[in-house]
């Protein structure tokens, strides 16, 4: 029953005015309902006393409102004592949120009552719940549980749920168990992280992917396979003499300790110098000179007291073709066990090397194999091998870009891709002669050449040594009918352009070989056949 003005239950009533907890009258002629002090007796008329709001602890009691004549109430009494019509007063804390209650008189929470209840007018409600006295010491709204079991008070008297001593112990026990579990998990994680850090060097350590180790096997015909097969047979020579020293390369010929190298490698030792051989394993041994030949630029030394030597197999240089892959092994600039690779760039390349002495005694004539495998000072005497790791040549000379004087044997210029090797067929013959006799023989035709001739071909001179004849009497050339002034242009079908080339072509053969020569005499071309003679080398 609303009169159009809602009471402001949060406003504190002033002294001597009607309480705002009670509804005002609709008309101006009726007074307020009687209100008595807590100690006053209940009014007569047979109305049962009703519980009123109890004053909170620490608050002074309100003055009783002026009484009004008895009569029908302006509205039905609020049996639940909810604001704004019932207690508690405006000084009480805000009540809990009210939810809809089921019909048919569901019990509601009892209100705190003062020591003596304040009577209210009779209540026509058919359901009059009995108020349960609550100790006056409670000054707060009791807890309201809308989901409590039916038939039970909606307010629980006593300490809040879950605050009993037993519940506290259970909570403490649960919290301790949780903390213990968390500590165990943290310790496990910490141990794992610590082990990882110790094993990897830190959480920020970078580890890059890498291929696993292999067994080191390579195809025999690959450069790695060739090097693995040939390196144990290659040695580095250190030579020292009274005036100079040098470094070169050699390779093992047999199990007796014979090693083949270049003559210009061992030349600094002279007749009393020292030669030291270092094997690929790092072992060293002293060596002695067996024989040498400056015309072929080859020499043989021998080591003693060394066992387990592995000879390097010899190939056949006549089978080599231009473009065949090759591998050069040596000690360029004293860097032992150096491996380079390339191809055969040309065959039968006539070269001369040496000539530092000025008298021509140290000049070598080689019908060489040309290769682009890098060869540098220190590679001299080392093997040039094919894909089967067989020796096909002895690295001997390079063409230097800054020399401008032709091929050099001992120069310090680097490789420009023009390297030259003595064919192993020639080297084998010379090595056998040096081992067996200490000297090598040279094939000759018995003529003295005019080295100053600038025309095309090799010209037979007018005079020989010590003003003797240019054609040796009874020699191979004289027997074939060659005369002074003849110009030889071909040997075995190969063109000859100079006297050096003729020497190279002749020395590419053995003494006793039969050769066919073409020459020009008085503008006419002739062909002759001769058998090569022999001469001792130096």
Protein backbone atom coordinates (compact mmCIF):
# COMPACT_ATOMS: atom_id res chain seq x y z
CA UNK A 1 0.00 0.00 0.00
CA UNK A 2 1.91 3.01 -1.21
CA UNK A 3 0.78 6.57 -0.60
CA UNK A 4 2.85 7.89 -3.49
CA UNK A 5 5.79 8.91 -1.37
CA UNK A 6 8.47 6.38 -0.72
CA UNK A 7 10.14 6.63 2.63
CA UNK A 8 13.86 7.35 2.59
CA UNK A 9 15.04 4.69 4.96
CA UNK A 10 18.63 5.88 4.85
CA UNK A 11 17.65 9.34 6.31
CA UNK A 12 18.23 9.65 10.05
CA UNK A 13 14.99 10.86 11.84
CA UNK A 14 15.19 14.03 13.84
CA UNK A 15 14.14 14.19 17.52
CA UNK A 16 10.44 14.91 18.08
CA UNK A 17 9.43 14.01 14.49
CA UNK A 18 7.63 10.88 13.31
CA UNK A 19 9.99 8.04 12.52
CA UNK A 20 10.62 7.59 8.80
CA UNK A 21 10.45 3.90 9.37
CA UNK A 22 6.67 4.16 9.70
CA UNK A 23 4.43 5.13 6.78
CA UNK A 24 2.74 8.49 6.85
CA UNK A 25 -1.06 8.84 6.71
CA UNK A 26 -2.96 9.34 3.51
CA UNK A 27 -5.15 12.15 4.88
CA UNK A 28 -4.35 15.09 7.01
CA UNK A 29 -6.93 14.22 9.71
CA UNK A 30 -5.40 10.97 10.91
CA UNK A 31 -2.40 10.78 13.19
CA UNK A 32 0.57 8.38 13.20
CA UNK A 33 0.36 4.93 14.63
CA UNK A 34 1.24 4.76 18.31
CA UNK A 35 4.82 3.97 19.15
CA UNK A 36 6.03 3.18 22.62
CA UNK A 37 9.36 2.80 24.28
CA UNK A 38 10.83 -0.63 24.62
CA UNK A 39 9.83 -0.79 28.30
CA UNK A 40 6.21 0.28 27.80
CA UNK A 41 3.44 -2.32 27.92
CA UNK A 42 1.73 -3.53 24.84
CA UNK A 43 -1.50 -1.70 23.89
CA UNK A 44 -4.81 -3.23 24.61
CA UNK A 45 -7.13 -4.54 21.99
CA UNK A 46 -6.02 -8.13 21.83
CA UNK A 47 -3.28 -7.53 19.24
CA UNK A 48 -0.32 -9.76 19.57
CA UNK A 49 2.97 -8.01 19.99
CA UNK A 50 5.25 -8.04 16.97
CA UNK A 51 8.97 -7.86 16.88
CA UNK A 52 10.35 -4.50 15.95
CA UNK A 53 13.76 -3.48 14.83
CA UNK A 54 16.32 -3.56 17.55
CA UNK A 55 18.66 -0.65 18.04
CA UNK A 56 22.28 -1.35 17.14
CA UNK A 57 24.90 -1.46 19.79
CA UNK A 58 26.27 1.95 20.53
CA UNK A 59 23.25 3.83 19.28
CA UNK A 60 20.96 5.76 21.57
CA UNK A 61 17.32 4.65 21.56
CA UNK A 62 14.85 6.69 19.61
CA UNK A 63 12.18 8.74 21.28
CA UNK A 64 8.76 7.20 20.93
CA UNK A 65 6.72 8.65 18.16
CA UNK A 66 3.39 10.34 19.07
CA UNK A 67 0.61 7.91 19.39
CA UNK A 68 -2.26 7.93 17.02
CA UNK A 69 -5.78 6.72 17.57
CA UNK A 70 -6.41 3.09 17.08
CA UNK A 71 -7.84 2.19 13.74
CA UNK A 72 -7.17 0.11 10.66
CA UNK A 73 -3.57 0.37 9.42
CA UNK A 74 -2.85 2.28 6.27
CA UNK A 75 -1.21 -0.80 4.83
CA UNK A 76 -0.52 -4.33 5.78
CA UNK A 77 2.32 -4.79 8.22
CA UNK A 78 5.62 -6.02 6.82
CA UNK A 79 6.14 -9.31 8.50
CA UNK A 80 9.70 -9.48 7.17
CA UNK A 81 10.68 -6.15 8.61
CA UNK A 82 12.39 -5.10 5.36
CA UNK A 83 13.24 -1.50 4.63
CA UNK A 84 11.83 1.04 4.23
CA UNK A 85 9.04 -0.08 6.60
CA UNK A 86 10.91 -2.21 9.07
CA UNK A 87 14.23 -2.27 10.94
CA UNK A 88 17.01 -1.82 11.09
CA UNK A 89 17.25 1.91 11.36
CA UNK A 90 19.07 4.21 8.98
CA UNK A 91 22.30 3.85 10.92
CA UNK A 92 22.53 0.14 10.20
CA UNK A 93 24.75 -1.19 7.42
CA UNK A 94 23.13 -1.81 4.08
CA UNK A 95 21.03 -5.00 4.18
CA UNK A 96 21.98 -7.93 2.00
CA UNK A 97 20.41 -8.16 -1.44
CA UNK A 98 16.92 -9.57 -1.16
CA UNK A 99 15.90 -12.27 -3.55
CA UNK A 100 12.35 -13.43 -4.36
CA UNK A 101 11.11 -15.90 -1.83
CA UNK A 102 8.83 -18.86 -2.55
CA UNK A 103 5.16 -18.57 -1.70
CA UNK A 104 3.27 -20.18 1.13
CA UNK A 105 5.11 -18.73 4.01
CA UNK A 106 8.74 -19.76 3.56
CA UNK A 107 10.55 -18.93 6.81
CA UNK A 108 12.72 -15.82 6.68
CA UNK A 109 15.63 -14.82 8.82
CA UNK A 110 14.64 -13.66 12.30
CA UNK A 111 15.52 -10.11 13.20
CA UNK A 112 17.45 -9.08 16.18
CA UNK A 113 15.10 -7.93 18.91
CA UNK A 114 15.79 -5.76 21.87
CA UNK A 115 15.44 -7.15 25.33
CA UNK A 116 11.76 -6.15 25.27
CA UNK A 117 9.83 -6.12 22.03
CA UNK A 118 7.92 -3.08 20.77
CA UNK A 119 4.27 -3.95 20.09
CA UNK A 120 2.80 -3.40 16.64
CA UNK A 121 -0.83 -3.32 15.49
CA UNK A 122 -2.51 -6.66 14.80
CA UNK A 123 -1.33 -8.32 11.65
CA UNK A 124 -3.97 -9.87 9.40
CA UNK A 125 -1.44 -12.09 7.66
CA UNK A 126 -2.50 -15.73 7.91
CA UNK A 127 1.05 -16.77 8.47
CA UNK A 128 2.68 -15.34 11.54
CA UNK A 129 6.17 -16.72 11.96
CA UNK A 130 7.50 -16.87 15.42
CA UNK A 131 10.44 -14.64 16.01
CA UNK A 132 13.43 -16.26 17.52
CA UNK A 133 15.10 -14.17 20.17
CA UNK A 134 18.65 -13.22 19.25
CA UNK A 135 21.13 -12.05 21.80
CA UNK A 136 21.21 -8.28 21.93
CA UNK A 137 24.98 -8.31 21.61
CA UNK A 138 24.70 -9.02 17.83
CA UNK A 139 24.91 -5.72 16.00
CA UNK A 140 25.24 -6.97 12.40
CA UNK A 141 22.93 -8.58 9.95
CA UNK A 142 23.25 -12.28 10.09
CA UNK A 143 24.30 -14.28 7.06
CA UNK A 144 21.52 -15.03 4.65
CA UNK A 145 21.63 -18.28 2.66
CA UNK A 146 18.83 -18.32 0.05
CA UNK A 147 19.76 -21.85 -0.98
CA UNK A 148 19.44 -23.40 2.48
CA UNK A 149 17.40 -26.52 3.01
CA UNK A 150 13.59 -25.96 3.25
CA UNK A 151 12.23 -25.65 6.70
CA UNK A 152 15.49 -24.34 8.11
CA UNK A 153 16.19 -20.75 9.09
CA UNK A 154 17.65 -18.75 6.23
CA UNK A 155 20.04 -17.14 8.61
CA UNK A 156 22.72 -19.11 10.39
CA UNK A 157 23.44 -18.02 13.88
CA UNK A 158 26.99 -18.26 14.94
CA UNK A 159 30.34 -17.83 13.12
CA UNK A 160 30.30 -17.76 9.30
CA UNK A 161 30.48 -21.04 7.50
CA UNK A 162 34.00 -22.32 7.02
CA UNK A 163 35.38 -20.43 10.03
CA UNK A 164 34.99 -23.21 12.57
CA UNK A 165 38.24 -24.40 14.16
CA UNK A 166 38.07 -27.69 12.31
CA UNK A 167 37.54 -25.98 8.96
CA UNK A 168 40.53 -23.73 9.60
CA UNK A 169 42.70 -26.74 10.30
CA UNK A 170 41.53 -28.39 7.08
CA UNK A 171 42.28 -25.24 5.10
CA UNK A 172 45.68 -24.92 6.68
CA UNK A 173 46.41 -28.57 5.91
CA UNK A 174 45.30 -28.16 2.30
CA UNK A 175 47.38 -25.02 1.89
CA UNK A 176 50.45 -26.77 3.33
CA UNK A 177 49.98 -29.74 0.99
CA UNK A 178 49.62 -27.40 -2.00
CA UNK A 179 52.74 -25.49 -1.05
CA UNK A 180 54.66 -28.76 -0.61
CA UNK A 181 53.51 -30.00 -4.03
CA UNK A 182 54.47 -26.68 -5.62
CA UNK A 183 57.92 -26.86 -4.01
CA UNK A 184 58.46 -30.39 -5.33
CA UNK A 185 57.42 -29.39 -8.85
CA UNK A 186 59.61 -26.27 -8.74
CA UNK A 187 62.60 -28.27 -7.51
CA UNK A 188 62.13 -30.79 -10.33
CA UNK A 189 61.93 -28.05 -12.95
CA UNK A 190 64.92 -26.30 -11.43
CA UNK A 191 66.95 -29.49 -11.47
CA UNK A 192 66.11 -30.11 -15.12
CA UNK A 193 67.00 -26.56 -16.09
CA UNK A 194 70.25 -26.78 -14.14
CA UNK A 195 71.23 -30.03 -15.86
CA UNK A 196 70.46 -28.51 -19.26
CA UNK A 197 72.53 -25.42 -18.49
CA UNK A 198 75.45 -27.54 -17.29
CA UNK A 199 75.30 -29.77 -20.35
CA UNK A 200 74.84 -27.07 -23.02
CA UNK A 201 76.70 -24.21 -21.42
CA UNK A 202 73.75 -21.93 -20.76
CA UNK A 203 70.25 -21.14 -21.87
CA UNK A 204 71.53 -18.62 -24.43
CA UNK A 205 74.22 -20.88 -25.96
CA UNK A 206 73.77 -21.27 -29.72
CA UNK A 207 74.28 -24.74 -31.14
CA UNK A 208 74.33 -24.93 -34.92
CA UNK A 209 73.37 -28.07 -36.84
CA UNK A 210 76.29 -30.09 -38.09
CA UNK A 211 76.76 -33.27 -40.08
CA UNK A 212 77.85 -36.33 -38.17
CA UNK A 213 81.31 -37.84 -38.52
CA UNK A 214 81.82 -40.22 -41.41
CA UNK A 215 84.30 -43.06 -41.73
CA UNK A 216 86.63 -41.01 -43.95
CA UNK A 217 86.33 -43.28 -46.96
CA UNK A 218 86.51 -41.62 -50.36
CA UNK A 219 86.27 -42.96 -53.89
CA UNK A 220 89.73 -44.13 -55.03
CA UNK A 221 89.57 -42.01 -58.17
CA UNK A 222 88.64 -38.82 -56.30
CA UNK A 223 91.32 -36.28 -55.38
CA UNK A 224 90.96 -37.24 -51.72
CA UNK A 225 91.26 -40.92 -52.57
CA UNK A 226 94.31 -40.31 -54.77
CA UNK A 227 95.98 -38.19 -52.10
CA UNK A 228 95.32 -40.77 -49.39
CA UNK A 229 96.95 -43.44 -51.55
CA UNK A 230 99.96 -41.41 -52.72
CA UNK A 231 100.90 -39.26 -49.72
CA UNK A 232 102.63 -42.04 -47.71
CA UNK A 233 105.10 -42.43 -50.60
CA UNK A 234 105.95 -38.71 -50.97
CA UNK A 235 108.82 -37.11 -49.02
CA UNK A 236 110.18 -33.62 -48.42
CA UNK A 237 113.92 -33.02 -48.90
CA UNK A 238 115.91 -30.38 -47.03
CA UNK A 239 119.31 -29.81 -48.59
CA UNK A 240 122.11 -27.66 -47.20
CA UNK A 241 125.60 -27.03 -48.51
CA UNK A 242 128.51 -24.72 -47.89
CA UNK A 243 127.01 -21.88 -49.93
CA UNK A 244 123.27 -22.46 -50.24
CA UNK A 245 120.33 -24.59 -49.18
CA UNK A 246 116.97 -25.52 -50.53
CA UNK A 247 113.77 -27.53 -50.20
CA UNK A 248 112.20 -29.93 -52.65
CA UNK A 249 110.11 -33.04 -53.01
CA UNK A 250 110.68 -36.66 -53.97
CA UNK A 251 108.92 -39.99 -53.95
CA UNK A 252 109.87 -43.55 -53.00
CA UNK A 253 110.89 -45.84 -55.86
CA UNK A 254 111.44 -49.12 -54.03
CA UNK A 255 111.62 -50.74 -50.62
CA UNK A 256 115.41 -50.37 -50.58
CA UNK A 257 115.04 -46.66 -49.88
CA UNK A 258 115.69 -45.14 -53.33
CA UNK A 259 113.98 -41.81 -53.83
CA UNK A 260 113.67 -39.93 -57.14
CA UNK A 261 113.82 -36.14 -57.30
CA UNK A 262 115.18 -33.29 -59.45
CA UNK A 263 118.86 -32.59 -59.89
CA UNK A 264 118.41 -28.91 -59.07
CA UNK A 265 116.89 -29.92 -55.69
CA UNK A 266 120.03 -31.75 -54.49
CA UNK A 267 122.54 -29.52 -56.33
CA UNK A 268 123.07 -27.14 -53.32
CA UNK A 269 124.50 -30.04 -51.28
CA UNK A 270 127.44 -30.40 -53.69
CA UNK A 271 129.78 -33.22 -52.78
CA UNK A 272 129.80 -32.73 -48.99
CA UNK A 273 126.44 -31.24 -48.07
CA UNK A 274 123.62 -32.75 -46.05
CA UNK A 275 120.35 -34.16 -47.35
CA UNK A 276 117.50 -34.88 -44.93
CA UNK A 277 114.32 -36.69 -45.91
CA UNK A 278 111.04 -36.13 -44.04
CA UNK A 279 108.23 -38.61 -44.61
CA UNK A 280 104.52 -37.79 -44.58
CA UNK A 281 104.28 -39.31 -41.10
CA UNK A 282 106.76 -36.75 -39.80
CA UNK A 283 109.69 -39.13 -39.40
CA UNK A 284 113.04 -37.95 -40.73
CA UNK A 285 116.11 -39.74 -41.99
CA UNK A 286 119.45 -38.80 -43.52
CA UNK A 287 119.95 -39.53 -47.21
CA UNK A 288 122.94 -39.92 -49.48
CA UNK A 289 123.26 -39.07 -53.16
CA UNK A 290 123.24 -42.09 -55.53
CA UNK A 291 123.50 -40.30 -58.87
CA UNK A 292 122.37 -37.25 -60.79
CA UNK A 293 122.14 -35.93 -64.34
CA UNK A 294 121.82 -32.23 -65.18
CA UNK A 295 120.77 -32.85 -68.80
CA UNK A 296 117.62 -34.61 -67.65
CA UNK A 297 117.41 -32.70 -64.35
CA UNK A 298 116.98 -35.93 -62.39
CA UNK A 299 118.69 -37.36 -59.29
CA UNK A 300 118.35 -40.37 -57.00
CA UNK A 301 119.05 -40.36 -53.23
CA UNK A 302 118.79 -43.20 -50.75
CA UNK A 303 117.81 -43.47 -47.09
CA UNK A 304 119.08 -46.24 -44.85
CA UNK A 305 117.69 -47.87 -41.75
CA UNK A 306 114.08 -47.08 -42.64
CA UNK A 307 111.56 -49.89 -42.85
CA UNK A 308 107.99 -50.05 -44.06
CA UNK A 309 108.58 -47.87 -47.11
CA UNK A 310 105.72 -47.77 -49.61
CA UNK A 311 106.89 -47.38 -53.23
CA UNK A 312 104.71 -45.22 -55.46
CA UNK A 313 103.57 -47.15 -58.56
CA UNK A 314 104.80 -45.85 -61.91
CA UNK A 315 102.40 -45.28 -64.79
CA UNK A 316 102.98 -44.94 -68.52
CA UNK A 317 103.30 -41.40 -69.82
CA UNK A 318 102.68 -42.54 -73.40
CA UNK A 319 99.08 -43.32 -72.43
CA UNK A 320 98.38 -39.81 -71.18
CA UNK A 321 95.89 -37.72 -73.12
CA UNK A 322 95.30 -33.99 -73.06
CA UNK A 323 92.52 -33.23 -70.59
CA UNK A 324 93.21 -36.17 -68.29
CA UNK A 325 92.82 -35.21 -64.60
CA UNK A 326 96.02 -35.20 -62.57
CA UNK A 327 97.11 -34.48 -59.00
CA UNK A 328 100.39 -32.82 -58.00
CA UNK A 329 101.88 -33.48 -54.55
CA UNK A 330 104.78 -31.59 -53.01
CA UNK A 331 106.08 -29.06 -50.50
CA UNK A 332 105.64 -25.60 -52.07
CA UNK A 333 107.53 -23.03 -50.01
CA UNK A 334 108.29 -25.82 -47.51
CA UNK A 335 104.58 -26.61 -46.95
CA UNK A 336 104.90 -30.37 -47.02
CA UNK A 337 102.15 -32.77 -48.10
CA UNK A 338 100.44 -30.14 -50.25
CA UNK A 339 97.99 -31.53 -52.80
CA UNK A 340 96.77 -29.68 -55.90
CA UNK A 341 94.80 -30.89 -58.88
CA UNK A 342 94.35 -30.04 -62.54
CA UNK A 343 94.51 -31.58 -65.97
CA UNK A 344 97.07 -32.37 -68.65
CA UNK A 345 97.17 -29.17 -70.70
CA UNK A 346 99.56 -30.40 -73.40
CA UNK A 347 102.00 -33.16 -74.29
CA UNK A 348 105.53 -33.20 -75.73
CA UNK A 349 106.06 -29.59 -74.81
CA UNK A 350 109.77 -28.94 -75.48
CA UNK A 351 111.24 -26.87 -72.65
CA UNK A 352 114.68 -25.99 -71.41
CA UNK A 353 115.41 -25.04 -67.85
CA UNK A 354 118.38 -23.95 -65.81
CA UNK A 355 121.38 -22.21 -67.33
CA UNK A 356 122.26 -20.27 -64.17
CA UNK A 357 125.92 -21.29 -64.44
CA UNK A 358 126.34 -19.62 -67.80
CA UNK A 359 128.32 -22.40 -69.44
CA UNK A 360 125.24 -24.44 -70.33
CA UNK A 361 126.28 -27.37 -68.17
CA UNK A 362 123.18 -27.09 -66.02
CA UNK A 363 120.66 -26.71 -68.85
CA UNK A 364 118.08 -29.46 -69.03
CA UNK A 365 116.05 -30.36 -72.07
CA UNK A 366 112.69 -31.90 -71.43
CA UNK A 367 109.93 -33.04 -73.74
CA UNK A 368 107.49 -32.21 -70.97
CA UNK A 369 103.90 -32.79 -69.95
CA UNK A 370 102.19 -29.45 -69.38
CA UNK A 371 99.64 -29.16 -66.55
CA UNK A 372 97.57 -26.45 -64.94
CA UNK A 373 97.79 -28.12 -61.52
CA UNK A 374 99.38 -25.43 -59.31
CA UNK A 375 103.13 -26.03 -58.98
CA UNK A 376 105.37 -23.70 -56.99
CA UNK A 377 108.98 -23.64 -55.76
CA UNK A 378 109.28 -26.64 -53.47
CA UNK A 379 107.11 -28.85 -55.67
CA UNK A 380 110.17 -29.74 -57.76
CA UNK A 381 110.83 -33.48 -57.80
CA UNK A 382 107.34 -34.35 -56.61
CA UNK A 383 105.04 -36.77 -58.42
CA UNK A 384 102.32 -35.89 -60.91
CA UNK A 385 99.85 -38.78 -60.62
CA UNK A 386 96.79 -39.90 -62.55
CA UNK A 387 93.42 -41.02 -61.22
CA UNK A 388 94.87 -44.42 -60.30
CA UNK A 389 97.54 -42.75 -58.15
CA UNK A 390 100.24 -43.85 -60.62
CA UNK A 391 103.13 -41.52 -61.37
CA UNK A 392 103.03 -40.15 -64.90
CA UNK A 393 105.50 -37.27 -64.46
CA UNK A 394 108.04 -35.55 -62.21
CA UNK A 395 107.19 -31.90 -61.53
CA UNK A 396 110.23 -29.88 -62.55
CA UNK A 397 109.55 -26.38 -63.86
CA UNK A 398 107.03 -23.55 -64.16
CA UNK A 399 106.60 -20.61 -66.44
CA UNK A 400 106.74 -17.44 -64.35
CA UNK A 401 104.86 -14.34 -65.44
CA UNK A 402 107.56 -11.92 -64.33
CA UNK A 403 110.58 -13.70 -65.75
CA UNK A 404 110.09 -13.11 -69.46
CA UNK A 405 113.00 -15.46 -70.10
CA UNK A 406 111.26 -18.76 -70.48
CA UNK A 407 110.89 -21.65 -68.10
CA UNK A 408 112.55 -21.55 -64.66
CA UNK A 409 113.46 -24.37 -62.29
CA UNK A 410 114.47 -22.57 -59.12
CA UNK A 411 112.75 -19.20 -59.42
CA UNK A 412 110.61 -17.86 -56.56
CA UNK A 413 107.68 -16.74 -58.68
CA UNK A 414 104.33 -18.39 -58.07
CA UNK A 415 102.28 -20.57 -60.35
CA UNK A 416 100.26 -19.04 -63.15
CA UNK A 417 98.89 -22.38 -64.29
CA UNK A 418 101.85 -23.29 -66.51
CA UNK A 419 103.62 -26.24 -64.94
CA UNK A 420 105.86 -28.81 -66.60
CA UNK A 421 106.70 -32.37 -65.65
CA UNK A 422 109.27 -34.82 -66.99
CA UNK A 423 107.42 -37.82 -68.47
CA UNK A 424 107.80 -40.83 -66.21
CA UNK A 425 108.92 -43.04 -69.11
CA UNK A 426 112.01 -40.90 -69.45
CA UNK A 427 112.39 -40.60 -65.70
CA UNK A 428 112.20 -44.34 -65.22
CA UNK A 429 115.02 -45.01 -67.67
CA UNK A 430 117.25 -42.34 -66.17
CA UNK A 431 116.51 -43.49 -62.60
CA UNK A 432 117.42 -47.07 -63.43
CA UNK A 433 120.74 -45.96 -64.94
CA UNK A 434 121.53 -43.75 -61.94
CA UNK A 435 120.78 -46.56 -59.49
CA UNK A 436 122.71 -49.16 -61.47
CA UNK A 437 125.71 -47.15 -62.69
CA UNK A 438 125.55 -43.80 -60.93
CA UNK A 439 125.31 -42.08 -64.34
CA UNK A 440 122.78 -41.64 -67.14
CA UNK A 441 123.38 -41.94 -70.89
CA UNK A 442 122.11 -39.48 -73.46
CA UNK A 443 121.01 -40.43 -76.99
CA UNK A 444 122.92 -38.46 -79.64
CA UNK A 445 123.03 -38.11 -83.45
CA UNK A 446 126.65 -36.86 -83.60
CA UNK A 447 126.27 -33.25 -84.84
CA UNK A 448 127.03 -29.77 -83.50
CA UNK A 449 124.12 -27.34 -83.93
CA UNK A 450 124.22 -23.65 -84.69
CA UNK A 451 122.30 -22.29 -81.68
CA UNK A 452 122.32 -18.78 -83.17
CA UNK A 453 120.29 -19.76 -86.19
CA UNK A 454 117.03 -17.74 -86.33
CA UNK A 455 115.28 -19.60 -89.12
CA UNK A 456 112.73 -22.35 -88.84
CA UNK A 457 114.35 -25.63 -87.88
CA UNK A 458 117.65 -26.84 -86.38
CA UNK A 459 120.73 -26.01 -88.47
CA UNK A 460 123.89 -28.12 -88.40
CA UNK A 461 126.84 -25.87 -87.64
CA UNK A 462 129.93 -25.23 -89.76
CA UNK A 463 132.40 -26.18 -87.01
CA UNK A 464 132.44 -28.43 -84.00
CA UNK A 465 134.15 -28.13 -80.65
CA UNK A 466 137.75 -26.89 -80.78
CA UNK A 467 137.29 -26.10 -84.47
CA UNK A 468 136.60 -29.76 -85.26
CA UNK A 469 134.05 -30.92 -87.80
CA UNK A 470 130.35 -30.19 -87.06
CA UNK A 471 129.43 -33.79 -88.02
CA UNK A 472 131.20 -36.38 -85.90
CA UNK A 473 133.06 -38.81 -88.04
CA UNK A 474 131.61 -42.30 -87.88
CA UNK A 475 128.67 -41.02 -85.85
CA UNK A 476 124.96 -41.72 -86.50
CA UNK A 477 124.48 -38.50 -88.53
CA UNK A 478 127.55 -39.12 -90.70
CA UNK A 479 126.34 -42.65 -91.40
CA UNK A 480 122.91 -41.27 -92.43
CA UNK A 481 124.50 -38.75 -94.86
CA UNK A 482 123.85 -35.54 -92.91
CA UNK A 483 126.21 -32.62 -93.77
CA UNK A 484 127.10 -29.21 -92.32
CA UNK A 485 124.53 -26.56 -93.16
CA UNK A 486 121.63 -28.98 -93.37
CA UNK A 487 118.44 -27.78 -91.59
CA UNK A 488 116.54 -30.54 -89.77
CA UNK A 489 112.79 -29.78 -89.75
CA UNK A 490 111.10 -32.98 -88.40
CA UNK A 491 111.81 -35.88 -86.07
CA UNK A 492 109.51 -38.86 -86.28
CA UNK A 493 106.93 -36.68 -88.01
CA UNK A 494 107.03 -33.94 -85.34
CA UNK A 495 107.92 -30.44 -86.46
CA UNK A 496 111.15 -28.90 -85.14
CA UNK A 497 111.52 -25.10 -84.99
CA UNK A 498 114.85 -24.65 -83.18
CA UNK A 499 118.01 -26.35 -82.04
CA UNK A 500 116.64 -26.70 -78.48
CA UNK A 501 113.61 -28.50 -79.79
CA UNK A 502 115.76 -30.95 -81.74
CA UNK A 503 117.73 -31.81 -78.58
CA UNK A 504 114.51 -32.29 -76.63
CA UNK A 505 113.08 -34.60 -79.26
CA UNK A 506 116.24 -36.66 -79.46
CA UNK A 507 116.54 -37.04 -75.67
CA UNK A 508 113.00 -38.22 -75.46
CA UNK A 509 114.26 -41.46 -76.92
CA UNK A 510 116.72 -44.11 -75.81
CA UNK A 511 120.15 -44.79 -77.28
CA UNK A 512 119.82 -47.34 -80.07
CA UNK A 513 116.38 -46.19 -81.20
CA UNK A 514 115.93 -45.69 -84.96
CA UNK A 515 114.60 -42.28 -85.96
CA UNK A 516 113.41 -40.85 -89.25
CA UNK A 517 114.46 -37.24 -89.90
CA UNK A 518 113.47 -34.75 -92.56
CA UNK A 519 115.89 -31.97 -93.57
CA UNK A 520 116.39 -29.25 -96.11
CA UNK A 521 119.57 -28.93 -98.16
CA UNK A 522 119.91 -26.27 -100.84
CA UNK A 523 116.17 -25.74 -100.91
CA UNK A 524 115.45 -29.42 -101.33
CA UNK A 525 113.81 -31.65 -98.68
CA UNK A 526 115.27 -35.03 -97.87
CA UNK A 527 114.43 -37.88 -95.50
CA UNK A 528 117.04 -39.88 -93.64
CA UNK A 529 117.00 -42.71 -91.09
CA UNK A 530 119.56 -43.14 -88.33
CA UNK A 531 120.22 -45.10 -85.14
CA UNK A 532 120.79 -43.04 -82.03
CA UNK A 533 124.17 -43.23 -80.37
CA UNK A 534 125.00 -42.85 -76.67
CA UNK A 535 126.93 -40.36 -74.60
CA UNK A 536 127.60 -40.13 -70.88
CA UNK A 537 125.73 -37.49 -68.99
CA UNK A 538 127.00 -35.11 -66.35
